[in-house]
Amino acid sequence: MSMTDPTTISPSQTQPSANADLLRKDMSARAKLVESAIDALLPPTTGGDARLIEAMRYATLGGGKRLRGYLAVETASLFGVPEAQSARVGASVEMLHAYSLVHDDLPAMDDDDLRRGQPSTHRKFDEATAILAGDALQTKAFEILADAQTHESANVRIALIAAFAAASGASGMVGGQMIDMEGEGRALPLDEVRHLHALKTGCLIRYSAESGAILGQADADLQRRLRSYGTNIGAAFQIADDVLDATATAEELGKTAGKDEASGKSTFVALLGIDGARAEAERLTKLAIEDLAPFGAKADRLKALAYYVIERRN
């Protein structure tokens, strides 16, 4: 599917004040849509797996920005994809993201007792249950994409699964987590920090933006543009996270503040300073806006989202 009558919107027309209210309402509505899909896809049970399902639901339905799910639904809307389909993709990526957080909070990883202002899954339940809940969320995410309810075309489903696997495995999110762990206590150069965060955080955000174009069977150029948009806001998102870790309180973050410095991690703030990191995030935001030029006003919410990513407080 391709777009017609493309118009270019300049960044000055998409400043956050113009679309902030609309974006907040839209993100809230889409978050409810994705959470409703998660709720339906992970129904409570009374069988032998009841505790496992309870932990999976706790990890996925405990709040959060739903940024990745929002991206999947919003980018799909550019191509007229029914929300019943895009919400499944949004639920899938949020489940995999939740699995990564559950495992990341474990004592063997980042060892954090708080997530989204609540006890981490391993603190609410126990470590073994948390590990199994994360394992099950990961496999459930792929099961959803493989189902014909996500898209009638097997080729589209395969493309979604292939891109998802690449974004979340050893060459994506998990590989980035490994590099991050090995980098603790060492001073990494800026290029290495960019690379590890492009994998650890950026790949899943990139996939979320790209997934809507795959689901909508967009042409190669539009898929490339949304992939680039996701790459740029993913990098900006991580820089904003580094700034927040250094400047926000635990109450604002909903998790332990100052952990990066305490763990001796190389961050954008450590390498560029707070002002330099913010300037880099703004540069990436402008690039993301440019990626959306062919979509015109249809992409106004995605443009506003690019600003939201670097201005959020949690």
C-alpha atoms as a PDB file:
ATOM      1  CA  MET A   1       0.000   0.000   0.000  1.00  0.00           C
ATOM      2  CA  SER A   2       1.350   3.439  -0.817  1.00  0.00           C
ATOM      3  CA  MET A   3       0.420   6.975   0.149  1.00  0.00           C
ATOM      4  CA  THR A   4      -0.877   9.583  -2.280  1.00  0.00           C
ATOM      5  CA  ASP A   5      -0.763  13.369  -2.234  1.00  0.00           C
ATOM      6  CA  PRO A   6       2.135  13.607   0.238  1.00  0.00           C
ATOM      7  CA  THR A   7       2.601  16.963   1.923  1.00  0.00           C
ATOM      8  CA  THR A   8       5.503  18.093   4.017  1.00  0.00           C
ATOM      9  CA  ILE A   9       4.921  19.459   7.493  1.00  0.00           C
ATOM     10  CA  SER A  10       7.866  21.407   8.878  1.00  0.00           C
ATOM     11  CA  PRO A  11       8.973  20.781  12.469  1.00  0.00           C
ATOM     12  CA  SER A  12       7.850  24.296  13.387  1.00  0.00           C
ATOM     13  CA  GLN A  13       4.270  23.261  12.620  1.00  0.00           C
ATOM     14  CA  THR A  14       4.447  20.338  14.989  1.00  0.00           C
ATOM     15  CA  GLN A  15       5.733  21.902  18.186  1.00  0.00           C
ATOM     16  CA  PRO A  16       4.508  20.047  21.277  1.00  0.00           C
ATOM     17  CA  SER A  17       2.113  22.792  22.409  1.00  0.00           C
ATOM     18  CA  ALA A  18       0.073  22.363  19.230  1.00  0.00           C
ATOM     19  CA  ASN A  19      -0.666  18.675  19.692  1.00  0.00           C
ATOM     20  CA  ALA A  20       0.123  17.830  23.334  1.00  0.00           C
ATOM     21  CA  ASP A  21      -3.495  17.607  24.496  1.00  0.00           C
ATOM     22  CA  LEU A  22      -4.553  15.584  21.483  1.00  0.00           C
ATOM     23  CA  LEU A  23      -1.602  13.246  21.964  1.00  0.00           C
ATOM     24  CA  ARG A  24      -2.327  12.650  25.664  1.00  0.00           C
ATOM     25  CA  LYS A  25      -5.947  11.781  24.918  1.00  0.00           C
ATOM     26  CA  ASP A  26      -4.958   9.569  22.015  1.00  0.00           C
ATOM     27  CA  MET A  27      -2.254   7.746  23.991  1.00  0.00           C
ATOM     28  CA  SER A  28      -4.719   7.137  26.818  1.00  0.00           C
ATOM     29  CA  ALA A  29      -7.336   5.752  24.423  1.00  0.00           C
ATOM     30  CA  ARG A  30      -4.834   3.553  22.610  1.00  0.00           C
ATOM     31  CA  ALA A  31      -3.376   2.340  25.922  1.00  0.00           C
ATOM     32  CA  LYS A  32      -6.851   1.184  26.972  1.00  0.00           C
ATOM     33  CA  LEU A  33      -7.285  -0.527  23.598  1.00  0.00           C
ATOM     34  CA  VAL A  34      -3.991  -2.408  23.949  1.00  0.00           C
ATOM     35  CA  GLU A  35      -4.623  -3.268  27.610  1.00  0.00           C
ATOM     36  CA  SER A  36      -8.058  -4.611  26.692  1.00  0.00           C
ATOM     37  CA  ALA A  37      -6.385  -6.841  24.106  1.00  0.00           C
ATOM     38  CA  ILE A  38      -3.829  -8.049  26.679  1.00  0.00           C
ATOM     39  CA  ASP A  39      -6.605  -8.745  29.169  1.00  0.00           C
ATOM     40  CA  ALA A  40      -8.495 -10.836  26.594  1.00  0.00           C
ATOM     41  CA  LEU A  41      -5.364 -12.677  25.447  1.00  0.00           C
ATOM     42  CA  LEU A  42      -4.275 -13.503  29.025  1.00  0.00           C
ATOM     43  CA  PRO A  43      -7.518 -14.454  30.791  1.00  0.00           C
ATOM     44  CA  PRO A  44      -7.289 -15.463  34.464  1.00  0.00           C
ATOM     45  CA  THR A  45      -7.435 -19.192  35.135  1.00  0.00           C
ATOM     46  CA  THR A  46      -8.044 -21.457  38.107  1.00  0.00           C
ATOM     47  CA  GLY A  47      -5.937 -24.350  36.839  1.00  0.00           C
ATOM     48  CA  GLY A  48      -2.436 -25.413  37.761  1.00  0.00           C
ATOM     49  CA  ASP A  49      -1.009 -22.492  35.844  1.00  0.00           C
ATOM     50  CA  ALA A  50      -3.079 -19.926  37.762  1.00  0.00           C
ATOM     51  CA  ARG A  51      -0.087 -18.405  39.596  1.00  0.00           C
ATOM     52  CA  LEU A  52       1.876 -18.149  36.349  1.00  0.00           C
ATOM     53  CA  ILE A  53      -0.982 -16.386  34.548  1.00  0.00           C
ATOM     54  CA  GLU A  54      -1.471 -14.082  37.539  1.00  0.00           C
ATOM     55  CA  ALA A  55       2.198 -13.084  37.387  1.00  0.00           C
ATOM     56  CA  MET A  56       1.990 -12.536  33.619  1.00  0.00           C
ATOM     57  CA  ARG A  57      -1.045 -10.300  34.065  1.00  0.00           C
ATOM     58  CA  TYR A  58       0.645  -8.437  36.913  1.00  0.00           C
ATOM     59  CA  ALA A  59       3.670  -7.721  34.734  1.00  0.00           C
ATOM     60  CA  THR A  60       1.666  -6.553  31.711  1.00  0.00           C
ATOM     61  CA  LEU A  61      -1.408  -4.857  33.189  1.00  0.00           C
ATOM     62  CA  GLY A  62       0.301  -2.850  35.912  1.00  0.00           C
ATOM     63  CA  GLY A  63       0.354   0.470  34.052  1.00  0.00           C
ATOM     64  CA  GLY A  64       3.066   1.987  31.901  1.00  0.00           C
ATOM     65  CA  LYS A  65       3.232   4.410  28.989  1.00  0.00           C
ATOM     66  CA  ARG A  66       2.366   1.782  26.354  1.00  0.00           C
ATOM     67  CA  LEU A  67       4.695   3.625  23.981  1.00  0.00           C
ATOM     68  CA  ARG A  68       5.466   0.522  21.923  1.00  0.00           C
ATOM     69  CA  GLY A  69       1.842  -0.538  21.706  1.00  0.00           C
ATOM     70  CA  TYR A  70       0.847   2.999  20.783  1.00  0.00           C
ATOM     71  CA  LEU A  71       3.389   3.075  17.974  1.00  0.00           C
ATOM     72  CA  ALA A  72       2.109  -0.214  16.553  1.00  0.00           C
ATOM     73  CA  VAL A  73      -1.502   0.962  16.512  1.00  0.00           C
ATOM     74  CA  GLU A  74      -0.817   4.522  15.361  1.00  0.00           C
ATOM     75  CA  THR A  75       1.512   3.613  12.494  1.00  0.00           C
ATOM     76  CA  ALA A  76      -0.940   0.933  11.339  1.00  0.00           C
ATOM     77  CA  SER A  77      -3.693   3.558  11.262  1.00  0.00           C
ATOM     78  CA  LEU A  78      -1.746   5.415   8.550  1.00  0.00           C
ATOM     79  CA  PHE A  79      -2.608   2.519   6.229  1.00  0.00           C
ATOM     80  CA  GLY A  80      -6.191   1.920   7.306  1.00  0.00           C
ATOM     81  CA  VAL A  81      -5.473  -1.249   9.302  1.00  0.00           C
ATOM     82  CA  PRO A  82      -8.427  -2.228  11.550  1.00  0.00           C
ATOM     83  CA  GLU A  83      -7.708  -1.655  15.241  1.00  0.00           C
ATOM     84  CA  ALA A  84      -8.722  -5.238  16.022  1.00  0.00           C
ATOM     85  CA  GLN A  85      -5.575  -6.309  14.175  1.00  0.00           C
ATOM     86  CA  SER A  86      -3.164  -3.585  15.222  1.00  0.00           C
ATOM     87  CA  ALA A  87      -4.181  -3.911  18.885  1.00  0.00           C
ATOM     88  CA  ARG A  88      -3.026  -7.530  18.759  1.00  0.00           C
ATOM     89  CA  VAL A  89       0.376  -6.418  17.475  1.00  0.00           C
ATOM     90  CA  GLY A  90       0.443  -3.734  20.166  1.00  0.00           C
ATOM     91  CA  ALA A  91      -0.414  -6.322  22.836  1.00  0.00           C
ATOM     92  CA  SER A  92       2.277  -8.628  21.482  1.00  0.00           C
ATOM     93  CA  VAL A  93       5.057  -6.059  21.674  1.00  0.00           C
ATOM     94  CA  GLU A  94       3.932  -4.917  25.134  1.00  0.00           C
ATOM     95  CA  MET A  95       4.072  -8.522  26.359  1.00  0.00           C
ATOM     96  CA  LEU A  96       7.601  -8.954  25.085  1.00  0.00           C
ATOM     97  CA  HIS A  97       8.606  -5.608  26.566  1.00  0.00           C
ATOM     98  CA  ALA A  98       7.098  -6.683  29.899  1.00  0.00           C
ATOM     99  CA  TYR A  99       9.089  -9.929  29.785  1.00  0.00           C
ATOM    100  CA  SER A 100      12.286  -7.920  29.321  1.00  0.00           C
ATOM    101  CA  LEU A 101      11.448  -5.744  32.331  1.00  0.00           C
ATOM    102  CA  VAL A 102      10.589  -8.719  34.540  1.00  0.00           C
ATOM    103  CA  HIS A 103      13.923 -10.340  33.771  1.00  0.00           C
ATOM    104  CA  ASP A 104      15.843  -7.043  33.905  1.00  0.00           C
ATOM    105  CA  ASP A 105      14.608  -6.445  37.464  1.00  0.00           C
ATOM    106  CA  LEU A 106      15.873  -9.824  38.714  1.00  0.00           C
ATOM    107  CA  PRO A 107      18.744  -9.866  41.258  1.00  0.00           C
ATOM    108  CA  ALA A 108      21.084 -11.398  38.655  1.00  0.00           C
ATOM    109  CA  MET A 109      20.397  -8.482  36.292  1.00  0.00           C
ATOM    110  CA  ASP A 110      19.637  -4.909  37.431  1.00  0.00           C
ATOM    111  CA  ASP A 111      18.314  -6.046  40.826  1.00  0.00           C
ATOM    112  CA  ASP A 112      15.451  -3.569  41.190  1.00  0.00           C
ATOM    113  CA  ASP A 113      12.587  -3.923  43.652  1.00  0.00           C
ATOM    114  CA  LEU A 114      10.371  -1.303  41.981  1.00  0.00           C
ATOM    115  CA  ARG A 115       8.696  -1.179  38.586  1.00  0.00           C
ATOM    116  CA  ARG A 116       6.045   1.384  37.625  1.00  0.00           C
ATOM    117  CA  GLY A 117       5.764   2.373  41.284  1.00  0.00           C
ATOM    118  CA  GLN A 118       4.879  -1.162  42.375  1.00  0.00           C
ATOM    119  CA  PRO A 119       6.919  -4.126  43.622  1.00  0.00           C
ATOM    120  CA  SER A 120       8.789  -5.829  40.779  1.00  0.00           C
ATOM    121  CA  THR A 121       7.318  -9.142  39.681  1.00  0.00           C
ATOM    122  CA  HIS A 122       9.954 -11.181  41.524  1.00  0.00           C
ATOM    123  CA  ARG A 123       9.203  -9.220  44.710  1.00  0.00           C
ATOM    124  CA  LYS A 124       5.431  -9.576  44.337  1.00  0.00           C
ATOM    125  CA  PHE A 125       5.703 -13.303  43.668  1.00  0.00           C
ATOM    126  CA  ASP A 126       9.145 -14.961  43.753  1.00  0.00           C
ATOM    127  CA  GLU A 127      12.172 -15.257  41.482  1.00  0.00           C
ATOM    128  CA  ALA A 128      11.225 -18.592  39.926  1.00  0.00           C
ATOM    129  CA  THR A 129       7.717 -17.414  39.111  1.00  0.00           C
ATOM    130  CA  ALA A 130       9.076 -14.176  37.653  1.00  0.00           C
ATOM    131  CA  ILE A 131      11.487 -16.068  35.380  1.00  0.00           C
ATOM    132  CA  LEU A 132       8.724 -18.373  34.147  1.00  0.00           C
ATOM    133  CA  ALA A 133       6.307 -15.469  33.671  1.00  0.00           C
ATOM    134  CA  GLY A 134       8.879 -13.697  31.520  1.00  0.00           C
ATOM    135  CA  ASP A 135       9.511 -16.865  29.504  1.00  0.00           C
ATOM    136  CA  ALA A 136       5.784 -17.337  28.927  1.00  0.00           C
ATOM    137  CA  LEU A 137       5.202 -13.699  27.952  1.00  0.00           C
ATOM    138  CA  GLN A 138       7.948 -13.926  25.341  1.00  0.00           C
ATOM    139  CA  THR A 139       6.489 -17.023  23.703  1.00  0.00           C
ATOM    140  CA  LYS A 140       2.915 -15.684  23.951  1.00  0.00           C
ATOM    141  CA  ALA A 141       4.007 -12.565  22.053  1.00  0.00           C
ATOM    142  CA  PHE A 142       5.049 -14.670  19.055  1.00  0.00           C
ATOM    143  CA  GLU A 143       1.983 -16.902  19.332  1.00  0.00           C
ATOM    144  CA  ILE A 144      -0.224 -13.837  18.889  1.00  0.00           C
ATOM    145  CA  LEU A 145       1.579 -12.756  15.721  1.00  0.00           C
ATOM    146  CA  ALA A 146       1.346 -16.252  14.252  1.00  0.00           C
ATOM    147  CA  ASP A 147      -2.451 -16.341  14.639  1.00  0.00           C
ATOM    148  CA  ALA A 148      -4.567 -15.584  11.550  1.00  0.00           C
ATOM    149  CA  GLN A 149      -6.586 -13.080  13.609  1.00  0.00           C
ATOM    150  CA  THR A 150      -3.568 -10.768  13.443  1.00  0.00           C
ATOM    151  CA  HIS A 151      -3.607 -10.808   9.633  1.00  0.00           C
ATOM    152  CA  GLU A 152      -5.162 -13.124   7.063  1.00  0.00           C
ATOM    153  CA  SER A 153      -1.944 -13.204   5.013  1.00  0.00           C
ATOM    154  CA  ALA A 154       0.639 -15.735   6.164  1.00  0.00           C
ATOM    155  CA  ASN A 155       3.315 -13.655   4.423  1.00  0.00           C
ATOM    156  CA  VAL A 156       2.435 -10.611   6.534  1.00  0.00           C
ATOM    157  CA  ARG A 157       2.476 -12.694   9.720  1.00  0.00           C
ATOM    158  CA  ILE A 158       5.864 -14.174   8.808  1.00  0.00           C
ATOM    159  CA  ALA A 159       7.245 -10.695   8.088  1.00  0.00           C
ATOM    160  CA  LEU A 160       6.009  -9.463  11.476  1.00  0.00           C
ATOM    161  CA  ILE A 161       7.527 -12.460  13.272  1.00  0.00           C
ATOM    162  CA  ALA A 162      10.862 -12.177  11.455  1.00  0.00           C
ATOM    163  CA  ALA A 163      11.217  -8.464  12.226  1.00  0.00           C
ATOM    164  CA  PHE A 164      10.125  -9.031  15.835  1.00  0.00           C
ATOM    165  CA  ALA A 165      12.645 -11.836  16.356  1.00  0.00           C
ATOM    166  CA  ALA A 166      15.470  -9.759  14.890  1.00  0.00           C
ATOM    167  CA  ALA A 167      14.574  -6.802  17.129  1.00  0.00           C
ATOM    168  CA  SER A 168      14.309  -8.808  20.338  1.00  0.00           C
ATOM    169  CA  GLY A 169      17.048 -11.454  20.123  1.00  0.00           C
ATOM    170  CA  ALA A 170      20.832 -11.593  20.281  1.00  0.00           C
ATOM    171  CA  SER A 171      21.185  -9.046  17.461  1.00  0.00           C
ATOM    172  CA  GLY A 172      18.667  -6.751  19.144  1.00  0.00           C
ATOM    173  CA  MET A 173      17.327  -6.184  22.659  1.00  0.00           C
ATOM    174  CA  VAL A 174      18.911  -9.189  24.392  1.00  0.00           C
ATOM    175  CA  GLY A 175      22.285  -8.521  22.783  1.00  0.00           C
ATOM    176  CA  GLY A 176      22.083  -4.945  24.030  1.00  0.00           C
ATOM    177  CA  GLN A 177      21.309  -6.146  27.544  1.00  0.00           C
ATOM    178  CA  MET A 178      24.424  -8.338  27.475  1.00  0.00           C
ATOM    179  CA  ILE A 179      26.619  -5.457  26.302  1.00  0.00           C
ATOM    180  CA  ASP A 180      25.093  -3.249  29.011  1.00  0.00           C
ATOM    181  CA  MET A 181      25.888  -5.767  31.752  1.00  0.00           C
ATOM    182  CA  GLU A 182      29.443  -6.270  30.552  1.00  0.00           C
ATOM    183  CA  GLY A 183      29.926  -2.505  30.390  1.00  0.00           C
ATOM    184  CA  GLU A 184      29.217  -1.921  34.081  1.00  0.00           C
ATOM    185  CA  GLY A 185      32.202  -0.371  35.801  1.00  0.00           C
ATOM    186  CA  ARG A 186      33.944   0.393  32.503  1.00  0.00           C
ATOM    187  CA  ALA A 187      34.130   3.684  30.631  1.00  0.00           C
ATOM    188  CA  LEU A 188      32.658   2.970  27.203  1.00  0.00           C
ATOM    189  CA  PRO A 189      33.218   5.397  24.312  1.00  0.00           C
ATOM    190  CA  LEU A 190      30.225   7.243  22.882  1.00  0.00           C
ATOM    191  CA  ASP A 191      29.941   5.029  19.786  1.00  0.00           C
ATOM    192  CA  GLU A 192      29.683   1.905  21.946  1.00  0.00           C
ATOM    193  CA  VAL A 193      27.055   3.513  24.162  1.00  0.00           C
ATOM    194  CA  ARG A 194      25.058   4.438  21.059  1.00  0.00           C
ATOM    195  CA  HIS A 195      25.337   0.866  19.807  1.00  0.00           C
ATOM    196  CA  LEU A 196      24.304  -0.857  23.037  1.00  0.00           C
ATOM    197  CA  HIS A 197      21.245   1.367  23.447  1.00  0.00           C
ATOM    198  CA  ALA A 198      20.308   1.036  19.783  1.00  0.00           C
ATOM    199  CA  LEU A 199      20.046  -2.675  20.547  1.00  0.00           C
ATOM    200  CA  LYS A 200      18.777  -2.724  24.139  1.00  0.00           C
ATOM    201  CA  THR A 201      16.103  -0.021  23.820  1.00  0.00           C
ATOM    202  CA  GLY A 202      15.990   1.157  20.230  1.00  0.00           C
ATOM    203  CA  CYS A 203      15.352  -2.097  18.362  1.00  0.00           C
ATOM    204  CA  LEU A 204      11.998  -2.807  20.008  1.00  0.00           C
ATOM    205  CA  ILE A 205      10.824   0.788  19.543  1.00  0.00           C
ATOM    206  CA  ARG A 206      11.987   0.661  15.916  1.00  0.00           C
ATOM    207  CA  TYR A 207      10.052  -2.577  15.393  1.00  0.00           C
ATOM    208  CA  SER A 208       6.938  -1.084  16.968  1.00  0.00           C
ATOM    209  CA  ALA A 209       6.949   1.766  14.450  1.00  0.00           C
ATOM    210  CA  GLU A 210       7.808  -0.535  11.555  1.00  0.00           C
ATOM    211  CA  SER A 211       5.164  -3.123  12.491  1.00  0.00           C
ATOM    212  CA  GLY A 212       2.303  -0.859  11.449  1.00  0.00           C
ATOM    213  CA  ALA A 213       3.797  -0.536   7.970  1.00  0.00           C
ATOM    214  CA  ILE A 214       4.285  -4.315   7.732  1.00  0.00           C
ATOM    215  CA  LEU A 215       0.729  -4.929   8.909  1.00  0.00           C
ATOM    216  CA  GLY A 216      -0.539  -2.336   6.415  1.00  0.00           C
ATOM    217  CA  GLN A 217       1.527  -3.837   3.551  1.00  0.00           C
ATOM    218  CA  ALA A 218       3.106  -0.444   2.873  1.00  0.00           C
ATOM    219  CA  ASP A 219       5.603   0.026   0.077  1.00  0.00           C
ATOM    220  CA  ALA A 220       9.319  -0.303   0.774  1.00  0.00           C
ATOM    221  CA  ASP A 221      10.013   3.434   1.028  1.00  0.00           C
ATOM    222  CA  LEU A 222       7.295   4.062   3.614  1.00  0.00           C
ATOM    223  CA  GLN A 223       8.405   1.030   5.620  1.00  0.00           C
ATOM    224  CA  ARG A 224      11.953   2.412   5.550  1.00  0.00           C
ATOM    225  CA  ARG A 225      10.780   5.829   6.730  1.00  0.00           C
ATOM    226  CA  LEU A 226       8.833   4.422   9.666  1.00  0.00           C
ATOM    227  CA  ARG A 227      11.758   2.168  10.556  1.00  0.00           C
ATOM    228  CA  SER A 228      14.040   5.233  10.549  1.00  0.00           C
ATOM    229  CA  TYR A 229      11.499   7.200  12.597  1.00  0.00           C
ATOM    230  CA  GLY A 230      11.422   4.401  15.166  1.00  0.00           C
ATOM    231  CA  THR A 231      15.220   4.241  15.248  1.00  0.00           C
ATOM    232  CA  ASN A 232      15.497   7.982  15.919  1.00  0.00           C
ATOM    233  CA  ILE A 233      12.838   8.205  18.617  1.00  0.00           C
ATOM    234  CA  GLY A 234      14.216   5.011  20.185  1.00  0.00           C
ATOM    235  CA  ALA A 235      17.617   6.670  20.547  1.00  0.00           C
ATOM    236  CA  ALA A 236      16.012   9.884  21.822  1.00  0.00           C
ATOM    237  CA  PHE A 237      13.935   7.859  24.313  1.00  0.00           C
ATOM    238  CA  GLN A 238      17.054   6.259  25.804  1.00  0.00           C
ATOM    239  CA  ILE A 239      18.850   9.596  26.100  1.00  0.00           C
ATOM    240  CA  ALA A 240      15.806  11.011  27.884  1.00  0.00           C
ATOM    241  CA  ASP A 241      15.892   7.973  30.195  1.00  0.00           C
ATOM    242  CA  ASP A 242      19.533   8.708  31.033  1.00  0.00           C
ATOM    243  CA  VAL A 243      18.657  12.325  31.815  1.00  0.00           C
ATOM    244  CA  LEU A 244      15.706  11.266  33.972  1.00  0.00           C
ATOM    245  CA  ASP A 245      17.818   8.729  35.876  1.00  0.00           C
ATOM    246  CA  ALA A 246      20.176  11.576  36.759  1.00  0.00           C
ATOM    247  CA  THR A 247      17.576  14.266  37.514  1.00  0.00           C
ATOM    248  CA  ALA A 248      14.204  12.750  38.505  1.00  0.00           C
ATOM    249  CA  THR A 249      13.070  11.274  41.807  1.00  0.00           C
ATOM    250  CA  ALA A 250      12.078   7.661  42.398  1.00  0.00           C
ATOM    251  CA  GLU A 251       8.485   8.843  42.848  1.00  0.00           C
ATOM    252  CA  GLU A 252       8.519  10.469  39.406  1.00  0.00           C
ATOM    253  CA  LEU A 253      10.203   7.492  37.745  1.00  0.00           C
ATOM    254  CA  GLY A 254       8.232   4.738  39.432  1.00  0.00           C
ATOM    255  CA  LYS A 255      11.545   2.902  39.882  1.00  0.00           C
ATOM    256  CA  THR A 256      14.845   3.433  41.678  1.00  0.00           C
ATOM    257  CA  ALA A 257      16.540   6.677  40.596  1.00  0.00           C
ATOM    258  CA  GLY A 258      20.284   7.133  40.141  1.00  0.00           C
ATOM    259  CA  LYS A 259      20.962   3.473  39.404  1.00  0.00           C
ATOM    260  CA  ASP A 260      23.068   4.140  36.303  1.00  0.00           C
ATOM    261  CA  GLU A 261      25.652   6.164  38.200  1.00  0.00           C
ATOM    262  CA  ALA A 262      25.596   3.780  41.154  1.00  0.00           C
ATOM    263  CA  SER A 263      26.224   0.834  38.794  1.00  0.00           C
ATOM    264  CA  GLY A 264      29.071   2.600  37.047  1.00  0.00           C
ATOM    265  CA  LYS A 265      27.314   2.536  33.677  1.00  0.00           C
ATOM    266  CA  SER A 266      28.442   4.622  30.734  1.00  0.00           C
ATOM    267  CA  THR A 267      25.478   6.796  29.779  1.00  0.00           C
ATOM    268  CA  PHE A 268      24.813   9.701  27.458  1.00  0.00           C
ATOM    269  CA  VAL A 269      24.716  11.974  30.522  1.00  0.00           C
ATOM    270  CA  ALA A 270      28.077  10.680  31.749  1.00  0.00           C
ATOM    271  CA  LEU A 271      29.627  11.270  28.323  1.00  0.00           C
ATOM    272  CA  LEU A 272      27.847  14.428  27.140  1.00  0.00           C
ATOM    273  CA  GLY A 273      26.602  16.058  30.322  1.00  0.00           C
ATOM    274  CA  ILE A 274      22.925  16.804  30.920  1.00  0.00           C
ATOM    275  CA  ASP A 275      22.780  19.760  28.507  1.00  0.00           C
ATOM    276  CA  GLY A 276      24.702  17.874  25.832  1.00  0.00           C
ATOM    277  CA  ALA A 277      22.461  14.837  26.196  1.00  0.00           C
ATOM    278  CA  ARG A 278      19.345  16.977  25.884  1.00  0.00           C
ATOM    279  CA  ALA A 279      20.751  18.645  22.762  1.00  0.00           C
ATOM    280  CA  GLU A 280      21.423  15.226  21.204  1.00  0.00           C
ATOM    281  CA  ALA A 281      17.875  14.091  21.991  1.00  0.00           C
ATOM    282  CA  GLU A 282      16.496  17.198  20.301  1.00  0.00           C
ATOM    283  CA  ARG A 283      18.654  16.541  17.228  1.00  0.00           C
ATOM    284  CA  LEU A 284      17.275  13.025  16.935  1.00  0.00           C
ATOM    285  CA  THR A 285      13.722  14.284  17.400  1.00  0.00           C
ATOM    286  CA  LYS A 286      14.119  16.617  14.429  1.00  0.00           C
ATOM    287  CA  LEU A 287      15.391  13.725  12.310  1.00  0.00           C
ATOM    288  CA  ALA A 288      12.367  11.670  13.340  1.00  0.00           C
ATOM    289  CA  ILE A 289      10.053  14.507  12.258  1.00  0.00           C
ATOM    290  CA  GLU A 290      11.767  14.606   8.863  1.00  0.00           C
ATOM    291  CA  ASP A 291      11.195  10.861   8.437  1.00  0.00           C
ATOM    292  CA  LEU A 292       7.425  11.477   8.527  1.00  0.00           C
ATOM    293  CA  ALA A 293       7.305  14.087   5.752  1.00  0.00           C
ATOM    294  CA  PRO A 294       5.444  11.952   3.143  1.00  0.00           C
ATOM    295  CA  PHE A 295       2.567  11.279   5.526  1.00  0.00           C
ATOM    296  CA  GLY A 296       1.605  14.940   5.972  1.00  0.00           C
ATOM    297  CA  ALA A 297      -1.004  15.782   8.589  1.00  0.00           C
ATOM    298  CA  LYS A 298      -1.861  12.107   9.060  1.00  0.00           C
ATOM    299  CA  ALA A 299       1.330  11.799  11.097  1.00  0.00           C
ATOM    300  CA  ASP A 300       0.718  14.777  13.399  1.00  0.00           C
ATOM    301  CA  ARG A 301       0.338  12.536  16.455  1.00  0.00           C
ATOM    302  CA  LEU A 302       3.552  10.702  15.633  1.00  0.00           C
ATOM    303  CA  LYS A 303       5.314  14.064  15.351  1.00  0.00           C
ATOM    304  CA  ALA A 304       3.931  15.115  18.715  1.00  0.00           C
ATOM    305  CA  LEU A 305       5.035  11.766  20.121  1.00  0.00           C
ATOM    306  CA  ALA A 306       8.617  12.489  19.077  1.00  0.00           C
ATOM    307  CA  TYR A 307       8.556  15.557  21.339  1.00  0.00           C
ATOM    308  CA  TYR A 308       6.764  13.704  24.126  1.00  0.00           C
ATOM    309  CA  VAL A 309       9.550  11.103  24.206  1.00  0.00           C
ATOM    310  CA  ILE A 310      12.161  13.694  25.229  1.00  0.00           C
ATOM    311  CA  GLU A 311       9.916  15.852  27.474  1.00  0.00           C
ATOM    312  CA  ARG A 312       8.301  13.183  29.648  1.00  0.00           C
ATOM    313  CA  ARG A 313       9.012  13.011  33.385  1.00  0.00           C
ATOM    314  CA  ASN A 314       8.874   9.231  33.787  1.00  0.00           C
END
